[in-house]
């Protein structure tokens, strides 16, 4: 559901699911948002669990599952970004209760059957139809308070789903149309949303783009970029959206020579002369972090990251070669702008 002020209709949407007792999920930082949802739901809410964390640590997931069982919850309401949606998915995976998602970022997780859990420093992902939220409420008013940097990185994270979707092994004409339109909508909306955070039309454009990009992520397989980001995020505890933002231009440059049509569509959607440098320049113009160094990576860990990335590679247009991946990570660590590609 796309609606300005749509959050006020969350009770009606819960009724449509036939649910009566909702466990409301959020991160500790969005506890106030969770309480607001609980107030709107009134007697329909069973409790609040505001402990969601990046990359869904297995311990947090187990605690949330236990809380849902203790409260006899028959649905999960998630308000927040990918971390909160991911926690809802962990509950759904275990108990099969439906999820009603209210995204407040551009993560896109709310429209995918993909889940992730991190245990012992390794993030494992999978697909299961039980974790796909049954209802999603997109309310641009809820994104107005998103800090400028999170707006930028969350939007670039969404764009990454579409860029990879264009060269996915199982891409098709429909997902490619959605991917190109999603990139275009975000490229138009993000600079306006960062310049004027209260621009509702810009925020709506970004949510529309995020929905398209997330839907692509859920429909086709991912490749090198997502493998690298899961490796860096789960293995080195780097922030999710920021990691996607830094890595994306370099992953695009890596695949440029063997994914020409995908890069041409990305370039067209961005209105840029070159896909990789266009993505880099967009992120820089938004004030996003541009280096792995900035977001907590250590130079001494680059070799191990390269080893992890090639250990179980995803399908990718260009073969995953350890030396080339190590160079990609070095470029991302220092934030080198991709040069002209031909």
Protein backbone atom coordinates (compact mmCIF):
# COMPACT_ATOMS: atom_id res chain seq x y z
CA UNK A 1 0.00 0.00 0.00
CA UNK A 2 1.39 3.40 -1.04
CA UNK A 3 -0.16 6.26 0.95
CA UNK A 4 0.91 9.45 2.69
CA UNK A 5 -0.26 8.82 6.26
CA UNK A 6 -0.73 5.12 5.53
CA UNK A 7 0.55 4.11 8.97
CA UNK A 8 -2.81 5.13 10.46
CA UNK A 9 -4.42 2.25 8.53
CA UNK A 10 -2.19 -0.44 9.97
CA UNK A 11 -4.98 -1.86 12.13
CA UNK A 12 -7.20 -2.39 9.07
CA UNK A 13 -4.37 -4.13 7.26
CA UNK A 14 -3.77 -6.41 10.24
CA UNK A 15 -7.46 -7.31 10.23
CA UNK A 16 -7.17 -8.24 6.55
CA UNK A 17 -4.54 -10.78 7.55
CA UNK A 18 -6.94 -12.26 10.09
CA UNK A 19 -4.41 -11.56 12.85
CA UNK A 20 -5.31 -10.54 16.40
CA UNK A 21 -2.04 -10.33 18.39
CA UNK A 22 0.94 -8.52 16.87
CA UNK A 23 4.48 -8.48 18.19
CA UNK A 24 5.88 -5.09 17.11
CA UNK A 25 9.57 -5.18 16.17
CA UNK A 26 12.13 -2.36 15.92
CA UNK A 27 15.76 -1.50 16.67
CA UNK A 28 16.56 0.11 20.03
CA UNK A 29 16.91 3.45 18.19
CA UNK A 30 13.36 3.16 16.82
CA UNK A 31 11.70 2.04 20.04
CA UNK A 32 9.55 5.20 20.00
CA UNK A 33 8.28 4.30 16.52
CA UNK A 34 7.39 0.81 17.75
CA UNK A 35 5.46 2.28 20.67
CA UNK A 36 3.60 4.58 18.28
CA UNK A 37 2.60 1.54 16.21
CA UNK A 38 1.51 -0.25 19.38
CA UNK A 39 -0.68 2.72 20.31
CA UNK A 40 -2.33 2.73 16.87
CA UNK A 41 -2.95 -1.02 17.09
CA UNK A 42 -4.38 -0.76 20.60
CA UNK A 43 -5.66 -4.11 21.81
CA UNK A 44 -4.36 -5.76 18.64
CA UNK A 45 -0.75 -5.48 19.87
CA UNK A 46 0.71 -8.17 22.10
CA UNK A 47 4.04 -6.52 22.91
CA UNK A 48 7.10 -4.64 21.65
CA UNK A 49 10.52 -6.20 20.98
CA UNK A 50 12.95 -3.37 20.13
CA UNK A 51 16.20 -5.33 19.96
CA UNK A 52 16.74 -5.75 16.20
CA UNK A 53 20.40 -5.50 15.14
CA UNK A 54 22.45 -5.41 11.95
CA UNK A 55 22.88 -8.68 10.07
CA UNK A 56 20.38 -10.46 12.40
CA UNK A 57 22.64 -12.14 14.99
CA UNK A 58 21.37 -15.65 15.68
CA UNK A 59 21.10 -14.87 19.42
CA UNK A 60 18.74 -11.94 18.76
CA UNK A 61 16.68 -14.05 16.39
CA UNK A 62 16.27 -16.80 18.99
CA UNK A 63 15.23 -14.28 21.65
CA UNK A 64 12.62 -12.77 19.30
CA UNK A 65 11.21 -16.19 18.40
CA UNK A 66 10.94 -17.02 22.10
CA UNK A 67 9.18 -13.72 22.82
CA UNK A 68 6.67 -14.27 20.01
CA UNK A 69 5.85 -17.70 21.42
CA UNK A 70 5.62 -16.39 24.99
CA UNK A 71 3.15 -13.69 23.93
CA UNK A 72 1.20 -16.05 21.67
CA UNK A 73 1.64 -13.57 18.81
CA UNK A 74 -0.04 -14.47 15.53
CA UNK A 75 1.75 -11.87 13.39
CA UNK A 76 4.86 -9.69 13.42
CA UNK A 77 4.71 -5.98 12.62
CA UNK A 78 8.10 -4.57 11.63
CA UNK A 79 8.81 -0.85 11.58
CA UNK A 80 12.27 0.20 10.42
CA UNK A 81 14.89 -0.86 7.89
CA UNK A 82 16.42 -4.11 6.79
CA UNK A 83 17.61 -5.11 10.26
CA UNK A 84 14.08 -5.02 11.67
CA UNK A 85 12.50 -6.66 8.64
CA UNK A 86 15.19 -9.34 8.86
CA UNK A 87 14.28 -10.04 12.47
CA UNK A 88 10.64 -10.44 11.49
CA UNK A 89 11.74 -12.91 8.84
CA UNK A 90 13.64 -14.94 11.44
CA UNK A 91 10.41 -15.27 13.44
CA UNK A 92 8.40 -16.17 10.34
CA UNK A 93 10.96 -18.78 9.33
CA UNK A 94 10.60 -20.49 12.69
CA UNK A 95 6.87 -20.11 13.26
CA UNK A 96 5.32 -19.29 9.85
CA UNK A 97 3.38 -16.32 11.30
CA UNK A 98 2.75 -13.53 8.75
CA UNK A 99 4.70 -10.29 8.62
CA UNK A 100 3.21 -6.83 8.15
CA UNK A 101 6.14 -4.58 7.20
CA UNK A 102 6.36 -0.80 7.52
CA UNK A 103 9.68 0.26 5.97
CA UNK A 104 11.28 3.51 7.09
CA UNK A 105 14.35 3.16 4.84
CA UNK A 106 14.93 2.05 1.24
CA UNK A 107 16.32 -1.41 2.09
CA UNK A 108 13.86 -3.40 -0.03
CA UNK A 109 13.95 -6.45 2.24
CA UNK A 110 10.21 -6.10 2.78
CA UNK A 111 9.46 -7.38 -0.75
CA UNK A 112 11.88 -10.32 -0.88
CA UNK A 113 11.72 -13.96 0.30
CA UNK A 114 15.40 -13.67 1.25
CA UNK A 115 16.54 -13.95 4.86
CA UNK A 116 19.94 -13.69 6.52
CA UNK A 117 21.32 -14.83 9.86
CA UNK A 118 24.79 -14.22 11.30
CA UNK A 119 26.45 -16.79 13.53
CA UNK A 120 30.10 -16.95 14.50
CA UNK A 121 31.03 -14.05 12.24
CA UNK A 122 29.53 -15.62 9.10
CA UNK A 123 26.35 -14.35 7.49
CA UNK A 124 24.30 -17.03 5.79
CA UNK A 125 21.39 -16.20 3.50
CA UNK A 126 18.55 -18.26 2.09
CA UNK A 127 15.19 -18.05 0.38
CA UNK A 128 11.89 -19.24 1.79
CA UNK A 129 8.37 -18.10 0.83
CA UNK A 130 7.36 -18.07 4.50
CA UNK A 131 9.52 -15.00 5.18
CA UNK A 132 8.03 -12.78 2.46
CA UNK A 133 5.93 -10.12 4.24
CA UNK A 134 2.24 -10.47 3.43
CA UNK A 135 1.54 -6.73 3.62
CA UNK A 136 3.79 -3.70 3.14
CA UNK A 137 2.79 -0.13 3.96
CA UNK A 138 4.87 2.53 2.19
CA UNK A 139 4.29 5.87 3.92
CA UNK A 140 6.73 8.59 2.77
CA UNK A 141 6.00 10.61 5.93
CA UNK A 142 7.89 7.96 7.90
CA UNK A 143 11.09 8.61 5.91
CA UNK A 144 11.20 12.39 6.36
CA UNK A 145 13.15 12.09 9.62
CA UNK A 146 15.76 9.78 8.07
CA UNK A 147 19.19 11.43 8.47
CA UNK A 148 20.76 12.65 5.24
CA UNK A 149 23.57 10.10 5.29
CA UNK A 150 21.17 7.20 5.89
CA UNK A 151 18.96 8.50 3.08
CA UNK A 152 22.00 8.40 0.79
CA UNK A 153 23.36 5.00 1.80
CA UNK A 154 19.96 3.33 2.04
CA UNK A 155 19.13 4.58 -1.45
CA UNK A 156 22.43 3.37 -2.89
CA UNK A 157 21.84 0.00 -1.20
CA UNK A 158 18.48 -0.22 -2.98
CA UNK A 159 20.09 0.74 -6.28
CA UNK A 160 22.60 -2.10 -5.88
CA UNK A 161 19.77 -4.64 -6.03
CA UNK A 162 18.73 -3.33 -9.43
CA UNK A 163 22.22 -2.94 -10.88
CA UNK A 164 22.98 -6.57 -10.06
CA UNK A 165 19.53 -7.63 -11.19
CA UNK A 166 20.37 -6.35 -14.68
CA UNK A 167 23.24 -8.84 -15.07
CA UNK A 168 21.83 -11.68 -12.95
CA UNK A 169 22.08 -15.14 -14.49
CA UNK A 170 18.28 -15.46 -14.39
CA UNK A 171 17.37 -11.87 -15.35
CA UNK A 172 14.38 -11.49 -17.63
CA UNK A 173 12.84 -8.59 -19.62
CA UNK A 174 10.33 -7.71 -16.88
CA UNK A 175 12.84 -7.57 -14.01
CA UNK A 176 15.20 -5.57 -16.23
CA UNK A 177 12.48 -2.99 -16.93
CA UNK A 178 11.79 -2.74 -13.19
CA UNK A 179 15.50 -2.48 -12.40
CA UNK A 180 16.13 0.35 -14.85
CA UNK A 181 13.08 2.28 -13.66
CA UNK A 182 14.07 1.73 -10.02
CA UNK A 183 17.57 3.12 -10.63
CA UNK A 184 16.07 6.10 -12.48
CA UNK A 185 13.58 6.89 -9.71
CA UNK A 186 16.27 6.79 -7.03
CA UNK A 187 18.75 8.79 -9.09
CA UNK A 188 16.09 11.50 -9.43
CA UNK A 189 14.72 11.32 -5.88
CA UNK A 190 17.81 10.91 -3.71
CA UNK A 191 19.53 14.25 -4.44
CA UNK A 192 16.26 16.07 -3.75
CA UNK A 193 15.58 14.12 -0.55
CA UNK A 194 19.09 14.81 0.74
CA UNK A 195 18.85 18.52 -0.14
CA UNK A 196 15.35 18.87 1.37
CA UNK A 197 14.52 16.01 3.74
CA UNK A 198 10.88 17.14 4.08
CA UNK A 199 10.22 16.95 0.31
CA UNK A 200 7.38 14.40 0.34
CA UNK A 201 7.39 13.98 -3.45
CA UNK A 202 11.11 13.19 -3.43
CA UNK A 203 10.60 10.76 -0.54
CA UNK A 204 7.76 9.10 -2.48
CA UNK A 205 9.99 8.75 -5.55
CA UNK A 206 12.64 7.08 -3.42
CA UNK A 207 10.17 4.62 -1.86
CA UNK A 208 8.81 3.80 -5.32
CA UNK A 209 12.34 3.17 -6.56
CA UNK A 210 13.18 1.11 -3.49
CA UNK A 211 10.07 -1.03 -4.02
CA UNK A 212 11.05 -1.70 -7.63
CA UNK A 213 14.67 -2.50 -6.74
CA UNK A 214 13.67 -4.73 -3.83
CA UNK A 215 11.23 -6.62 -6.02
CA UNK A 216 14.05 -7.28 -8.48
CA UNK A 217 16.22 -8.56 -5.62
CA UNK A 218 13.47 -10.99 -4.65
CA UNK A 219 12.90 -12.22 -8.20
CA UNK A 220 16.39 -12.97 -9.50
CA UNK A 221 19.67 -14.26 -8.11
CA UNK A 222 22.42 -11.93 -6.99
CA UNK A 223 26.09 -11.94 -7.95
CA UNK A 224 29.49 -10.56 -6.99
CA UNK A 225 28.37 -7.32 -5.36
CA UNK A 226 26.03 -8.96 -2.84
CA UNK A 227 28.53 -11.74 -2.12
CA UNK A 228 31.18 -9.15 -1.26
CA UNK A 229 28.78 -7.13 0.90
CA UNK A 230 27.62 -10.21 2.82
CA UNK A 231 31.26 -11.21 3.34
CA UNK A 232 32.26 -7.75 4.57
CA UNK A 233 29.13 -7.18 6.64
CA UNK A 234 28.88 -10.55 8.36
CA UNK A 235 32.60 -11.24 8.59
CA UNK A 236 33.84 -7.81 9.70
CA UNK A 237 30.64 -6.29 11.17
CA UNK A 238 30.54 -3.40 8.72
CA UNK A 239 27.30 -1.40 8.43
CA UNK A 240 25.05 -2.87 5.74
CA UNK A 241 23.92 0.09 3.63
CA UNK A 242 27.27 1.86 3.84
CA UNK A 243 29.06 -1.27 2.64
CA UNK A 244 26.75 -1.53 -0.39
CA UNK A 245 27.34 2.15 -1.15
CA UNK A 246 31.13 1.84 -1.12
CA UNK A 247 31.37 -1.46 -3.02
CA UNK A 248 28.76 -0.86 -5.77
CA UNK A 249 30.80 1.29 -8.21
CA UNK A 250 33.75 -1.11 -7.96
CA UNK A 251 31.59 -4.21 -8.52
CA UNK A 252 30.09 -2.48 -11.57
CA UNK A 253 33.58 -1.72 -12.89
CA UNK A 254 34.62 -5.35 -12.32
CA UNK A 255 31.73 -6.66 -14.44
CA UNK A 256 31.70 -3.88 -17.03
CA UNK A 257 33.51 -5.72 -19.83
CA UNK A 258 31.21 -8.77 -19.77
CA UNK A 259 27.86 -7.14 -18.86
CA UNK A 260 27.66 -4.42 -21.49
CA UNK A 261 23.88 -4.28 -21.84
CA UNK A 262 23.36 -4.14 -18.07
CA UNK A 263 25.90 -1.35 -17.74
CA UNK A 264 24.33 0.55 -20.67
CA UNK A 265 20.93 0.40 -18.98
CA UNK A 266 22.42 1.52 -15.66
CA UNK A 267 24.20 4.39 -17.41
CA UNK A 268 20.97 5.44 -19.14
CA UNK A 269 18.97 5.31 -15.89
CA UNK A 270 21.59 7.43 -14.10
CA UNK A 271 21.93 9.90 -16.96
CA UNK A 272 25.69 9.31 -16.77
CA UNK A 273 28.45 8.72 -19.33
CA UNK A 274 29.59 5.55 -17.58
CA UNK A 275 27.81 3.26 -15.13
CA UNK A 276 30.62 2.70 -12.60
CA UNK A 277 31.81 6.31 -12.40
CA UNK A 278 28.16 7.48 -12.50
CA UNK A 279 27.37 5.40 -9.40
CA UNK A 280 30.52 6.69 -7.70
CA UNK A 281 29.71 10.33 -8.50
CA UNK A 282 26.09 9.98 -7.37
CA UNK A 283 27.16 8.57 -3.99
CA UNK A 284 29.82 11.24 -3.57
CA UNK A 285 27.34 13.99 -4.45
CA UNK A 286 24.98 12.66 -1.77
CA UNK A 287 27.70 12.95 0.87
CA UNK A 288 27.87 9.19 1.42
CA UNK A 289 30.98 7.45 2.77
CA UNK A 290 33.19 6.43 -0.14
CA UNK A 291 35.83 4.15 1.41
CA UNK A 292 35.85 0.90 3.37
CA UNK A 293 38.37 2.58 5.65
CA UNK A 294 35.73 5.17 6.64
CA UNK A 295 33.18 2.55 7.67
CA UNK A 296 35.42 0.44 9.92
CA UNK A 297 37.40 -1.93 7.67
CA UNK A 298 41.07 -2.49 8.47
CA UNK A 299 43.68 -2.75 5.73
CA UNK A 300 45.08 -5.82 7.47
CA UNK A 301 41.76 -7.64 6.88
CA UNK A 302 41.63 -7.15 3.09
CA UNK A 303 43.46 -10.38 2.30
CA UNK A 304 41.14 -12.44 4.49
CA UNK A 305 38.13 -10.71 2.93
CA UNK A 306 39.37 -11.66 -0.53
CA UNK A 307 39.86 -15.27 0.59
CA UNK A 308 36.32 -15.41 2.01
CA UNK A 309 34.83 -13.86 -1.11
CA UNK A 310 36.29 -16.46 -3.45
CA UNK A 311 35.59 -19.42 -1.13
CA UNK A 312 31.96 -19.87 -2.26
CA UNK A 313 31.37 -17.47 -5.15
CA UNK A 314 27.93 -16.56 -6.46
CA UNK A 315 27.26 -16.91 -10.20
CA UNK A 316 28.72 -13.79 -11.85
CA UNK A 317 29.17 -12.60 -15.45
CA UNK A 318 32.95 -12.35 -14.99
CA UNK A 319 34.82 -15.20 -13.28
CA UNK A 320 35.66 -14.57 -9.62
CA UNK A 321 39.45 -14.34 -9.56
CA UNK A 322 41.27 -13.85 -6.28
CA UNK A 323 43.78 -11.30 -7.58
CA UNK A 324 41.13 -9.19 -9.27
CA UNK A 325 38.89 -9.33 -6.19
CA UNK A 326 41.78 -8.26 -3.99
CA UNK A 327 42.33 -5.26 -6.27
CA UNK A 328 38.61 -4.43 -6.18
CA UNK A 329 38.70 -4.44 -2.38
CA UNK A 330 41.81 -2.26 -2.38
CA UNK A 331 40.11 0.26 -4.68
CA UNK A 332 37.06 0.25 -2.39
CA UNK A 333 39.22 0.57 0.73
CA UNK A 334 40.89 3.73 -0.57
CA UNK A 335 37.85 5.06 -2.49
CA UNK A 336 39.48 5.28 -5.91
CA UNK A 337 37.12 6.61 -8.56
CA UNK A 338 36.61 4.06 -11.38
CA UNK A 339 38.30 5.41 -14.50
CA UNK A 340 36.83 5.53 -18.01
CA UNK A 341 35.70 2.02 -19.00
CA UNK A 342 35.61 0.71 -22.56
